[in-house]
Amino acid sequence: MTATVPVSTAPAAPAAAATGRIPLTRLTVVELRKLADTRAGSWLLIVIGLATAATSAVLLGWAADEEQTFSALYSFGLLPSSVLLPVLGILSVTSEWSQRSALATFTLVPARGRVLLAKIAAAILIAIAATAATAVLAAGANVLASALGGDGSWSLDSSLIWQSLLLQVIFVLMGVAFGALLLNSPLAIVIYFALPTVWTILGETIKGLGDAAEWLDLNVTSQALTEPDMTSGEWARLAVSVGVWVGLPLVLGTIRVLRREVS
């Protein structure tokens, strides 16, 4: 006498679930969490917060009464994040390779382009959050300034709010672009700060480069974002310089990330 055992033909649930793509929103949340997961990233965020608070303390303690306004507190408060957030953007890309986590990341999400897109989205969100936090801190400091005898004026051109946000986004994306292009944290940080500075110096000292610097020097063209009512010419020069310093490195960096062998 023999017995037969029925064989189930139903597909395994885990295997079916594994074929689904991870939503970009979830990838972005993961990348946001990664920004503070490393010791360098967490300390950088702490330094940015402390430095931003320090700007308000400096103006409240040493600035003249008429200079203690929301506009001054807000503009000065954006300085630390505009300098340091791009470094966080660099580390968000290069840390995958320096800490050898790229293999795990790209095994879970084989589409490297989606990972890089999530990193870009996370960088933009952190720039928005930093700008909003600076505005809140400046508002609180302005209330305190008014109570202590300062000017306490709340006047601020509405265009400066979104222009300052755009400035933050441009520079943090420039950090992401340099990180993707070089894939090495120390080298990307040094090149990010040194190369634009050298170009600015050359543009100011060599007369033949003066006209080109007006279009290609991001340090020069971005200054227009700190003033209201930008002209069409200023927007055009900003667009060209952003294309050179952000767009081109980001395209080349994306190609390198997509093609580099993961070991």
C-alpha atoms as a PDB file:
ATOM      1  CA  MET A   1       0.000   0.000   0.000  1.00  0.00           C
ATOM      2  CA  THR A   2       1.396   3.421  -0.950  1.00  0.00           C
ATOM      3  CA  ALA A   3       0.456   6.892   0.215  1.00  0.00           C
ATOM      4  CA  THR A   4       0.519  10.041  -1.857  1.00  0.00           C
ATOM      5  CA  VAL A   5       1.411  13.464  -0.477  1.00  0.00           C
ATOM      6  CA  PRO A   6      -0.301  16.426  -2.162  1.00  0.00           C
ATOM      7  CA  VAL A   7       2.087  19.123  -3.397  1.00  0.00           C
ATOM      8  CA  SER A   8       0.939  22.713  -3.111  1.00  0.00           C
ATOM      9  CA  THR A   9       1.354  24.810  -6.227  1.00  0.00           C
ATOM     10  CA  ALA A  10       0.592  28.164  -4.550  1.00  0.00           C
ATOM     11  CA  PRO A  11       3.438  30.707  -4.887  1.00  0.00           C
ATOM     12  CA  ALA A  12       5.348  31.702  -1.780  1.00  0.00           C
ATOM     13  CA  ALA A  13       4.214  35.052  -0.403  1.00  0.00           C
ATOM     14  CA  PRO A  14       7.672  36.349   0.517  1.00  0.00           C
ATOM     15  CA  ALA A  15       8.973  35.727  -2.997  1.00  0.00           C
ATOM     16  CA  ALA A  16       6.083  37.657  -4.487  1.00  0.00           C
ATOM     17  CA  ALA A  17       6.566  40.502  -2.045  1.00  0.00           C
ATOM     18  CA  ALA A  18      10.250  40.674  -2.835  1.00  0.00           C
ATOM     19  CA  THR A  19       9.512  41.700  -6.411  1.00  0.00           C
ATOM     20  CA  GLY A  20       7.888  44.979  -5.299  1.00  0.00           C
ATOM     21  CA  ARG A  21       9.846  48.231  -5.573  1.00  0.00           C
ATOM     22  CA  ILE A  22      10.572  50.212  -2.431  1.00  0.00           C
ATOM     23  CA  PRO A  23       8.704  53.547  -2.669  1.00  0.00           C
ATOM     24  CA  LEU A  24      10.849  56.616  -3.240  1.00  0.00           C
ATOM     25  CA  THR A  25       9.311  58.243  -0.182  1.00  0.00           C
ATOM     26  CA  ARG A  26      10.578  55.399   2.014  1.00  0.00           C
ATOM     27  CA  LEU A  27      14.023  55.621   0.428  1.00  0.00           C
ATOM     28  CA  THR A  28      14.071  59.353   1.144  1.00  0.00           C
ATOM     29  CA  VAL A  29      13.156  58.773   4.795  1.00  0.00           C
ATOM     30  CA  VAL A  30      15.976  56.225   5.033  1.00  0.00           C
ATOM     31  CA  GLU A  31      18.426  58.712   3.515  1.00  0.00           C
ATOM     32  CA  LEU A  32      17.292  61.394   5.951  1.00  0.00           C
ATOM     33  CA  ARG A  33      17.942  59.008   8.815  1.00  0.00           C
ATOM     34  CA  LYS A  34      21.366  58.170   7.388  1.00  0.00           C
ATOM     35  CA  LEU A  35      22.345  61.851   7.584  1.00  0.00           C
ATOM     36  CA  ALA A  36      22.386  61.607  11.376  1.00  0.00           C
ATOM     37  CA  ASP A  37      23.379  57.945  11.724  1.00  0.00           C
ATOM     38  CA  THR A  38      27.113  58.531  11.403  1.00  0.00           C
ATOM     39  CA  ARG A  39      29.188  60.337  14.010  1.00  0.00           C
ATOM     40  CA  ALA A  40      30.313  62.923  11.453  1.00  0.00           C
ATOM     41  CA  GLY A  41      26.765  63.587  10.279  1.00  0.00           C
ATOM     42  CA  SER A  42      25.277  63.890  13.767  1.00  0.00           C
ATOM     43  CA  TRP A  43      28.032  66.221  14.962  1.00  0.00           C
ATOM     44  CA  LEU A  44      27.715  68.316  11.835  1.00  0.00           C
ATOM     45  CA  LEU A  45      23.994  68.794  12.484  1.00  0.00           C
ATOM     46  CA  ILE A  46      24.724  69.710  16.106  1.00  0.00           C
ATOM     47  CA  VAL A  47      27.363  72.242  15.053  1.00  0.00           C
ATOM     48  CA  ILE A  48      24.976  73.787  12.514  1.00  0.00           C
ATOM     49  CA  GLY A  49      22.301  74.171  15.196  1.00  0.00           C
ATOM     50  CA  LEU A  50      24.695  75.672  17.755  1.00  0.00           C
ATOM     51  CA  ALA A  51      26.283  77.997  15.201  1.00  0.00           C
ATOM     52  CA  THR A  52      22.867  79.219  14.039  1.00  0.00           C
ATOM     53  CA  ALA A  53      21.871  79.956  17.629  1.00  0.00           C
ATOM     54  CA  ALA A  54      25.206  81.705  18.139  1.00  0.00           C
ATOM     55  CA  THR A  55      24.484  84.128  15.298  1.00  0.00           C
ATOM     56  CA  SER A  56      21.408  85.382  17.132  1.00  0.00           C
ATOM     57  CA  ALA A  57      23.373  85.659  20.360  1.00  0.00           C
ATOM     58  CA  VAL A  58      26.068  87.703  18.628  1.00  0.00           C
ATOM     59  CA  LEU A  59      23.577  90.185  17.173  1.00  0.00           C
ATOM     60  CA  LEU A  60      21.659  90.466  20.452  1.00  0.00           C
ATOM     61  CA  GLY A  61      24.832  90.965  22.458  1.00  0.00           C
ATOM     62  CA  TRP A  62      26.968  93.204  20.278  1.00  0.00           C
ATOM     63  CA  ALA A  63      24.979  94.667  17.365  1.00  0.00           C
ATOM     64  CA  ALA A  64      23.564  98.184  17.494  1.00  0.00           C
ATOM     65  CA  ASP A  65      19.902  98.480  18.431  1.00  0.00           C
ATOM     66  CA  GLU A  66      18.857  99.465  14.909  1.00  0.00           C
ATOM     67  CA  GLU A  67      20.562  96.339  13.522  1.00  0.00           C
ATOM     68  CA  GLN A  68      18.548  93.996  15.724  1.00  0.00           C
ATOM     69  CA  THR A  69      15.780  93.210  13.244  1.00  0.00           C
ATOM     70  CA  PHE A  70      14.194  90.028  11.968  1.00  0.00           C
ATOM     71  CA  SER A  71      15.772  90.573   8.547  1.00  0.00           C
ATOM     72  CA  ALA A  72      19.272  90.844  10.015  1.00  0.00           C
ATOM     73  CA  LEU A  73      18.783  87.917  12.387  1.00  0.00           C
ATOM     74  CA  TYR A  74      17.388  85.729   9.622  1.00  0.00           C
ATOM     75  CA  SER A  75      20.034  86.602   7.021  1.00  0.00           C
ATOM     76  CA  PHE A  76      22.940  86.201   9.450  1.00  0.00           C
ATOM     77  CA  GLY A  77      21.443  83.003  10.855  1.00  0.00           C
ATOM     78  CA  LEU A  78      21.508  81.325   7.439  1.00  0.00           C
ATOM     79  CA  LEU A  79      25.292  81.652   7.171  1.00  0.00           C
ATOM     80  CA  PRO A  80      26.281  78.516   9.171  1.00  0.00           C
ATOM     81  CA  SER A  81      23.895  76.208   7.299  1.00  0.00           C
ATOM     82  CA  SER A  82      24.872  77.616   3.895  1.00  0.00           C
ATOM     83  CA  VAL A  83      28.503  76.755   4.650  1.00  0.00           C
ATOM     84  CA  LEU A  84      28.101  73.415   6.435  1.00  0.00           C
ATOM     85  CA  LEU A  85      25.007  71.793   4.895  1.00  0.00           C
ATOM     86  CA  PRO A  86      26.857  71.122   1.599  1.00  0.00           C
ATOM     87  CA  VAL A  87      29.373  69.071   3.597  1.00  0.00           C
ATOM     88  CA  LEU A  88      26.451  66.975   4.834  1.00  0.00           C
ATOM     89  CA  GLY A  89      25.363  66.586   1.214  1.00  0.00           C
ATOM     90  CA  ILE A  90      28.845  65.379   0.303  1.00  0.00           C
ATOM     91  CA  LEU A  91      28.899  62.856   3.145  1.00  0.00           C
ATOM     92  CA  SER A  92      25.457  61.519   2.229  1.00  0.00           C
ATOM     93  CA  VAL A  93      26.940  60.201  -1.024  1.00  0.00           C
ATOM     94  CA  THR A  94      30.555  59.448  -0.170  1.00  0.00           C
ATOM     95  CA  SER A  95      29.759  57.612   3.074  1.00  0.00           C
ATOM     96  CA  GLU A  96      28.266  54.755   1.050  1.00  0.00           C
ATOM     97  CA  TRP A  97      31.734  54.098  -0.373  1.00  0.00           C
ATOM     98  CA  SER A  98      33.998  55.128   2.495  1.00  0.00           C
ATOM     99  CA  GLN A  99      32.065  52.978   4.989  1.00  0.00           C
ATOM    100  CA  ARG A 100      31.600  50.143   2.478  1.00  0.00           C
ATOM    101  CA  SER A 101      27.821  50.207   2.822  1.00  0.00           C
ATOM    102  CA  ALA A 102      27.271  50.596  -0.927  1.00  0.00           C
ATOM    103  CA  LEU A 103      27.139  46.822  -1.406  1.00  0.00           C
ATOM    104  CA  ALA A 104      24.279  46.460   1.064  1.00  0.00           C
ATOM    105  CA  THR A 105      22.474  49.563  -0.239  1.00  0.00           C
ATOM    106  CA  PHE A 106      22.604  48.577  -3.893  1.00  0.00           C
ATOM    107  CA  THR A 107      21.776  44.954  -3.109  1.00  0.00           C
ATOM    108  CA  LEU A 108      18.549  46.033  -1.409  1.00  0.00           C
ATOM    109  CA  VAL A 109      17.860  48.660  -4.085  1.00  0.00           C
ATOM    110  CA  PRO A 110      19.588  47.616  -7.341  1.00  0.00           C
ATOM    111  CA  ALA A 111      18.343  50.742  -9.149  1.00  0.00           C
ATOM    112  CA  ARG A 112      21.185  53.052  -8.154  1.00  0.00           C
ATOM    113  CA  GLY A 113      19.525  56.023  -9.800  1.00  0.00           C
ATOM    114  CA  ARG A 114      16.597  55.801  -7.367  1.00  0.00           C
ATOM    115  CA  VAL A 115      18.989  55.750  -4.424  1.00  0.00           C
ATOM    116  CA  LEU A 116      20.767  58.853  -5.706  1.00  0.00           C
ATOM    117  CA  LEU A 117      17.416  60.534  -6.334  1.00  0.00           C
ATOM    118  CA  ALA A 118      16.420  59.785  -2.736  1.00  0.00           C
ATOM    119  CA  LYS A 119      19.684  61.333  -1.536  1.00  0.00           C
ATOM    120  CA  ILE A 120      18.946  64.465  -3.575  1.00  0.00           C
ATOM    121  CA  ALA A 121      15.427  64.650  -2.136  1.00  0.00           C
ATOM    122  CA  ALA A 122      16.785  64.210   1.395  1.00  0.00           C
ATOM    123  CA  ALA A 123      19.326  66.985   0.815  1.00  0.00           C
ATOM    124  CA  ILE A 124      16.590  69.348  -0.402  1.00  0.00           C
ATOM    125  CA  LEU A 125      14.388  68.506   2.594  1.00  0.00           C
ATOM    126  CA  ILE A 126      17.196  69.108   5.073  1.00  0.00           C
ATOM    127  CA  ALA A 127      17.872  72.487   3.422  1.00  0.00           C
ATOM    128  CA  ILE A 128      14.182  73.392   3.756  1.00  0.00           C
ATOM    129  CA  ALA A 129      14.160  72.269   7.397  1.00  0.00           C
ATOM    130  CA  ALA A 130      17.307  74.282   8.186  1.00  0.00           C
ATOM    131  CA  THR A 131      15.848  77.409   6.587  1.00  0.00           C
ATOM    132  CA  ALA A 132      12.570  77.028   8.463  1.00  0.00           C
ATOM    133  CA  ALA A 133      14.383  76.431  11.766  1.00  0.00           C
ATOM    134  CA  THR A 134      16.494  79.530  11.164  1.00  0.00           C
ATOM    135  CA  ALA A 135      13.357  81.608  10.549  1.00  0.00           C
ATOM    136  CA  VAL A 136      11.773  80.356  13.781  1.00  0.00           C
ATOM    137  CA  LEU A 137      14.961  81.043  15.754  1.00  0.00           C
ATOM    138  CA  ALA A 138      15.274  84.510  14.208  1.00  0.00           C
ATOM    139  CA  ALA A 139      11.657  85.258  15.117  1.00  0.00           C
ATOM    140  CA  GLY A 140      12.241  84.269  18.728  1.00  0.00           C
ATOM    141  CA  ALA A 141      15.441  86.312  18.886  1.00  0.00           C
ATOM    142  CA  ASN A 142      13.639  89.311  17.375  1.00  0.00           C
ATOM    143  CA  VAL A 143      10.965  89.160  20.075  1.00  0.00           C
ATOM    144  CA  LEU A 144      13.742  89.103  22.671  1.00  0.00           C
ATOM    145  CA  ALA A 145      15.520  91.989  20.930  1.00  0.00           C
ATOM    146  CA  SER A 146      12.357  94.085  21.042  1.00  0.00           C
ATOM    147  CA  ALA A 147      11.968  93.361  24.766  1.00  0.00           C
ATOM    148  CA  LEU A 148      15.584  94.373  25.416  1.00  0.00           C
ATOM    149  CA  GLY A 149      15.304  97.695  23.593  1.00  0.00           C
ATOM    150  CA  GLY A 150      16.383  96.663  20.119  1.00  0.00           C
ATOM    151  CA  ASP A 151      14.658  97.698  16.913  1.00  0.00           C
ATOM    152  CA  GLY A 152      12.569  94.519  16.648  1.00  0.00           C
ATOM    153  CA  SER A 153      11.364  95.332  13.134  1.00  0.00           C
ATOM    154  CA  TRP A 154       9.639  92.487  11.272  1.00  0.00           C
ATOM    155  CA  SER A 155       9.961  93.927   7.762  1.00  0.00           C
ATOM    156  CA  LEU A 156      11.345  91.451   5.218  1.00  0.00           C
ATOM    157  CA  ASP A 157      10.745  91.373   1.491  1.00  0.00           C
ATOM    158  CA  SER A 158       8.735  88.234   0.691  1.00  0.00           C
ATOM    159  CA  SER A 159      11.002  87.417  -2.254  1.00  0.00           C
ATOM    160  CA  LEU A 160      13.969  87.087   0.099  1.00  0.00           C
ATOM    161  CA  ILE A 161      12.297  84.189   1.905  1.00  0.00           C
ATOM    162  CA  TRP A 162      12.121  81.859  -1.081  1.00  0.00           C
ATOM    163  CA  GLN A 163      15.332  83.247  -2.587  1.00  0.00           C
ATOM    164  CA  SER A 164      17.224  82.383   0.593  1.00  0.00           C
ATOM    165  CA  LEU A 165      15.680  78.920   0.491  1.00  0.00           C
ATOM    166  CA  LEU A 166      16.756  78.542  -3.133  1.00  0.00           C
ATOM    167  CA  LEU A 167      20.280  79.581  -2.160  1.00  0.00           C
ATOM    168  CA  GLN A 168      20.423  76.878   0.509  1.00  0.00           C
ATOM    169  CA  VAL A 169      19.132  74.253  -1.909  1.00  0.00           C
ATOM    170  CA  ILE A 170      21.646  75.225  -4.603  1.00  0.00           C
ATOM    171  CA  PHE A 171      24.643  74.861  -2.329  1.00  0.00           C
ATOM    172  CA  VAL A 172      23.530  71.617  -0.693  1.00  0.00           C
ATOM    173  CA  LEU A 173      22.907  70.137  -4.152  1.00  0.00           C
ATOM    174  CA  MET A 174      26.357  71.309  -5.165  1.00  0.00           C
ATOM    175  CA  GLY A 175      27.687  69.281  -2.237  1.00  0.00           C
ATOM    176  CA  VAL A 176      25.766  66.200  -3.365  1.00  0.00           C
ATOM    177  CA  ALA A 177      27.068  66.706  -6.917  1.00  0.00           C
ATOM    178  CA  PHE A 178      30.721  66.941  -5.825  1.00  0.00           C
ATOM    179  CA  GLY A 179      30.275  63.925  -3.556  1.00  0.00           C
ATOM    180  CA  ALA A 180      28.842  61.842  -6.405  1.00  0.00           C
ATOM    181  CA  LEU A 181      31.544  62.990  -8.803  1.00  0.00           C
ATOM    182  CA  LEU A 182      34.519  62.266  -6.519  1.00  0.00           C
ATOM    183  CA  LEU A 183      33.143  59.532  -4.188  1.00  0.00           C
ATOM    184  CA  ASN A 184      35.798  60.404  -1.615  1.00  0.00           C
ATOM    185  CA  SER A 185      34.886  62.461   1.455  1.00  0.00           C
ATOM    186  CA  PRO A 186      38.140  64.367   2.142  1.00  0.00           C
ATOM    187  CA  LEU A 187      38.813  65.044  -1.533  1.00  0.00           C
ATOM    188  CA  ALA A 188      35.242  66.172  -2.254  1.00  0.00           C
ATOM    189  CA  ILE A 189      35.185  68.524   0.757  1.00  0.00           C
ATOM    190  CA  VAL A 190      38.531  70.104  -0.155  1.00  0.00           C
ATOM    191  CA  ILE A 191      37.605  70.503  -3.834  1.00  0.00           C
ATOM    192  CA  TYR A 192      34.166  71.888  -2.939  1.00  0.00           C
ATOM    193  CA  PHE A 193      35.663  74.717  -0.899  1.00  0.00           C
ATOM    194  CA  ALA A 194      38.927  75.258  -2.781  1.00  0.00           C
ATOM    195  CA  LEU A 195      37.927  75.210  -6.444  1.00  0.00           C
ATOM    196  CA  PRO A 196      35.201  77.926  -6.340  1.00  0.00           C
ATOM    197  CA  THR A 197      37.423  80.072  -4.116  1.00  0.00           C
ATOM    198  CA  VAL A 198      40.359  79.804  -6.521  1.00  0.00           C
ATOM    199  CA  TRP A 199      38.066  80.630  -9.443  1.00  0.00           C
ATOM    200  CA  THR A 200      36.738  83.702  -7.590  1.00  0.00           C
ATOM    201  CA  ILE A 201      40.277  84.928  -6.891  1.00  0.00           C
ATOM    202  CA  LEU A 202      41.307  84.402 -10.519  1.00  0.00           C
ATOM    203  CA  GLY A 203      38.210  86.209 -11.766  1.00  0.00           C
ATOM    204  CA  GLU A 204      38.949  89.205  -9.555  1.00  0.00           C
ATOM    205  CA  THR A 205      42.677  89.425 -10.296  1.00  0.00           C
ATOM    206  CA  ILE A 206      42.873  88.560 -14.011  1.00  0.00           C
ATOM    207  CA  LYS A 207      41.075  91.115 -16.151  1.00  0.00           C
ATOM    208  CA  GLY A 208      40.618  88.689 -19.031  1.00  0.00           C
ATOM    209  CA  LEU A 209      38.520  86.429 -16.814  1.00  0.00           C
ATOM    210  CA  GLY A 210      36.313  89.200 -15.445  1.00  0.00           C
ATOM    211  CA  ASP A 211      33.509  88.855 -17.999  1.00  0.00           C
ATOM    212  CA  ALA A 212      33.513  85.044 -17.739  1.00  0.00           C
ATOM    213  CA  ALA A 213      33.443  85.213 -13.929  1.00  0.00           C
ATOM    214  CA  GLU A 214      30.243  87.251 -14.056  1.00  0.00           C
ATOM    215  CA  TRP A 215      28.545  84.217 -15.623  1.00  0.00           C
ATOM    216  CA  LEU A 216      30.525  81.286 -14.250  1.00  0.00           C
ATOM    217  CA  ASP A 217      31.379  82.287 -10.671  1.00  0.00           C
ATOM    218  CA  LEU A 218      28.609  80.917  -8.450  1.00  0.00           C
ATOM    219  CA  ASN A 219      29.956  82.869  -5.465  1.00  0.00           C
ATOM    220  CA  VAL A 220      29.296  86.053  -7.452  1.00  0.00           C
ATOM    221  CA  THR A 221      26.034  85.201  -9.203  1.00  0.00           C
ATOM    222  CA  SER A 222      24.415  83.791  -6.045  1.00  0.00           C
ATOM    223  CA  GLN A 223      24.849  87.104  -4.226  1.00  0.00           C
ATOM    224  CA  ALA A 224      21.885  88.414  -6.190  1.00  0.00           C
ATOM    225  CA  LEU A 225      19.665  86.022  -4.230  1.00  0.00           C
ATOM    226  CA  THR A 226      20.351  88.020  -1.075  1.00  0.00           C
ATOM    227  CA  GLU A 227      18.751  91.122  -2.592  1.00  0.00           C
ATOM    228  CA  PRO A 228      15.081  91.608  -3.545  1.00  0.00           C
ATOM    229  CA  ASP A 229      13.804  92.126  -7.072  1.00  0.00           C
ATOM    230  CA  MET A 230      16.377  90.209  -9.099  1.00  0.00           C
ATOM    231  CA  THR A 231      16.624  91.223 -12.735  1.00  0.00           C
ATOM    232  CA  SER A 232      16.337  88.867 -15.693  1.00  0.00           C
ATOM    233  CA  GLY A 233      20.057  89.272 -16.330  1.00  0.00           C
ATOM    234  CA  GLU A 234      20.875  88.205 -12.777  1.00  0.00           C
ATOM    235  CA  TRP A 235      18.624  85.157 -13.124  1.00  0.00           C
ATOM    236  CA  ALA A 236      20.319  84.248 -16.395  1.00  0.00           C
ATOM    237  CA  ARG A 237      23.824  84.492 -14.894  1.00  0.00           C
ATOM    238  CA  LEU A 238      22.710  82.461 -11.886  1.00  0.00           C
ATOM    239  CA  ALA A 239      21.237  79.758 -14.131  1.00  0.00           C
ATOM    240  CA  VAL A 240      24.462  79.458 -16.141  1.00  0.00           C
ATOM    241  CA  SER A 241      26.673  79.227 -13.062  1.00  0.00           C
ATOM    242  CA  VAL A 242      24.339  76.682 -11.416  1.00  0.00           C
ATOM    243  CA  GLY A 243      24.480  74.613 -14.589  1.00  0.00           C
ATOM    244  CA  VAL A 244      28.294  74.608 -14.456  1.00  0.00           C
ATOM    245  CA  TRP A 245      28.794  74.056 -10.720  1.00  0.00           C
ATOM    246  CA  VAL A 246      25.745  71.933  -9.875  1.00  0.00           C
ATOM    247  CA  GLY A 247      24.208  70.482 -13.034  1.00  0.00           C
ATOM    248  CA  LEU A 248      27.363  69.303 -14.801  1.00  0.00           C
ATOM    249  CA  PRO A 249      29.004  67.669 -11.727  1.00  0.00           C
ATOM    250  CA  LEU A 250      25.679  66.045 -10.827  1.00  0.00           C
ATOM    251  CA  VAL A 251      25.279  64.522 -14.291  1.00  0.00           C
ATOM    252  CA  LEU A 252      28.871  63.267 -14.361  1.00  0.00           C
ATOM    253  CA  GLY A 253      28.576  62.064 -10.771  1.00  0.00           C
ATOM    254  CA  THR A 254      25.389  60.172 -11.545  1.00  0.00           C
ATOM    255  CA  ILE A 255      27.131  58.406 -14.430  1.00  0.00           C
ATOM    256  CA  ARG A 256      30.019  57.480 -12.155  1.00  0.00           C
ATOM    257  CA  VAL A 257      27.742  56.160  -9.412  1.00  0.00           C
ATOM    258  CA  LEU A 258      25.784  54.084 -11.922  1.00  0.00           C
ATOM    259  CA  ARG A 259      28.907  52.585 -13.490  1.00  0.00           C
ATOM    260  CA  ARG A 260      31.304  52.176 -10.572  1.00  0.00           C
ATOM    261  CA  GLU A 261      31.925  48.620  -9.470  1.00  0.00           C
ATOM    262  CA  VAL A 262      30.834  47.863  -5.925  1.00  0.00           C
ATOM    263  CA  SER A 263      33.278  45.805  -3.918  1.00  0.00           C
END
